[in-house]
Amino acid sequence: MPTNKCYVCGKTAYPLESYSAADNTFHKLCFRCKGCNVTLNVGSFKAFEGSVYCSKCVPKPSATQVADDFKVKNALNAPKRKAEGLGAVQ
């Protein structure tokens, strides 16, 4: 029977003494917030990029624009329209 290794300590984590969260396995005592090190349970954790956090420490994802995206490049290179009814600037 294959057993998983704890994500934090690397030791064998048997099913009765471990949690599975964020695609990783943790011992119950190793299941702690990455930010403040408080002990978590299955109902109180937040997963972010493979790590577990409490609700106060979870990083906030920031919106970024991907300049290499095909749609963005097309929009930036599109011909610009001129407003109707406006003459040349004097």
Protein backbone atom coordinates (compact mmCIF):
# COMPACT_ATOMS: atom_id res chain seq x y z
CA MET A 1 0.00 0.00 0.00
CA PRO A 2 1.65 3.26 -1.11
CA THR A 3 1.78 6.04 1.43
CA ASN A 4 2.33 9.75 0.87
CA LYS A 5 5.06 11.95 2.25
CA CYS A 6 4.26 15.04 4.31
CA TYR A 7 4.77 18.24 2.30
CA VAL A 8 6.36 20.02 5.29
CA CYS A 9 8.62 17.46 7.00
CA GLY A 10 9.00 14.85 4.25
CA LYS A 11 8.18 11.90 6.51
CA THR A 12 5.60 9.24 5.75
CA ALA A 13 2.06 10.48 6.39
CA TYR A 14 -0.39 7.64 7.01
CA PRO A 15 -4.04 8.23 6.04
CA LEU A 16 -5.39 8.29 9.61
CA GLU A 17 -2.89 10.89 10.79
CA SER A 18 -2.83 13.24 7.80
CA TYR A 19 -4.77 15.82 5.84
CA SER A 20 -4.85 16.27 2.07
CA ALA A 21 -5.02 19.89 0.98
CA ALA A 22 -3.75 21.99 -1.94
CA ASP A 23 -2.75 18.80 -3.79
CA ASN A 24 -0.35 17.91 -0.95
CA THR A 25 -0.41 15.69 2.12
CA PHE A 26 0.30 17.04 5.62
CA HIS A 27 0.62 15.51 9.09
CA LYS A 28 -2.00 16.95 11.42
CA LEU A 29 0.76 18.66 13.44
CA CYS A 30 2.50 19.95 10.29
CA PHE A 31 -0.74 21.46 8.94
CA ARG A 32 0.14 25.06 9.84
CA CYS A 33 -0.28 28.46 8.22
CA LYS A 34 2.73 29.37 6.11
CA GLY A 35 2.45 33.00 7.23
CA CYS A 36 1.88 32.95 11.00
CA ASN A 37 2.45 29.25 11.81
CA VAL A 38 -0.93 28.80 13.54
CA THR A 39 -2.30 25.24 13.55
CA LEU A 40 -5.04 24.81 10.94
CA ASN A 41 -7.85 22.32 10.45
CA VAL A 42 -9.76 21.20 7.40
CA GLY A 43 -12.39 23.91 7.86
CA SER A 44 -10.07 26.84 8.51
CA PHE A 45 -7.39 26.72 5.83
CA LYS A 46 -7.06 28.59 2.53
CA ALA A 47 -4.92 27.13 -0.25
CA PHE A 48 -2.76 29.36 -2.43
CA GLU A 49 -0.15 28.10 -4.92
CA GLY A 50 0.37 24.75 -3.18
CA SER A 51 0.72 26.15 0.35
CA VAL A 52 -1.85 26.51 3.12
CA TYR A 53 -2.67 29.72 4.99
CA CYS A 54 -5.15 30.96 7.59
CA SER A 55 -7.79 33.43 6.42
CA LYS A 56 -5.74 36.41 7.66
CA CYS A 57 -2.44 35.48 5.96
CA VAL A 58 -3.63 34.23 2.57
CA PRO A 59 -1.97 36.34 -0.16
CA LYS A 60 -4.31 38.43 -2.24
CA PRO A 61 -3.98 37.69 -5.96
CA SER A 62 -3.17 40.81 -7.92
CA ALA A 63 -4.55 41.42 -11.37
CA THR A 64 -1.87 41.77 -14.00
CA GLN A 65 -2.17 42.32 -17.71
CA VAL A 66 -0.37 39.87 -19.91
CA ALA A 67 1.17 41.90 -22.72
CA ASP A 68 2.05 38.80 -24.73
CA ASP A 69 -1.58 37.68 -25.06
CA PHE A 70 -2.80 37.49 -28.67
CA LYS A 71 -5.95 39.54 -28.01
CA VAL A 72 -4.03 42.28 -26.22
CA LYS A 73 -1.47 42.58 -29.03
CA ASN A 74 -4.24 42.82 -31.63
CA ALA A 75 -6.05 45.50 -29.63
CA LEU A 76 -2.89 47.56 -29.18
CA ASN A 77 -1.98 47.32 -32.87
CA ALA A 78 -5.50 48.01 -34.19
CA PRO A 79 -5.97 51.14 -36.30
CA LYS A 80 -7.25 54.05 -34.27
CA ARG A 81 -10.56 55.66 -35.20
CA LYS A 82 -10.93 59.38 -35.44
CA ALA A 83 -13.87 60.97 -33.71
CA GLU A 84 -16.56 62.30 -36.09
CA GLY A 85 -17.31 65.97 -36.11
CA LEU A 86 -14.01 67.02 -34.65
CA GLY A 87 -11.72 68.97 -36.84
CA ALA A 88 -8.00 69.33 -36.61
CA VAL A 89 -6.62 70.81 -33.45
CA GLN A 90 -5.82 74.49 -33.94
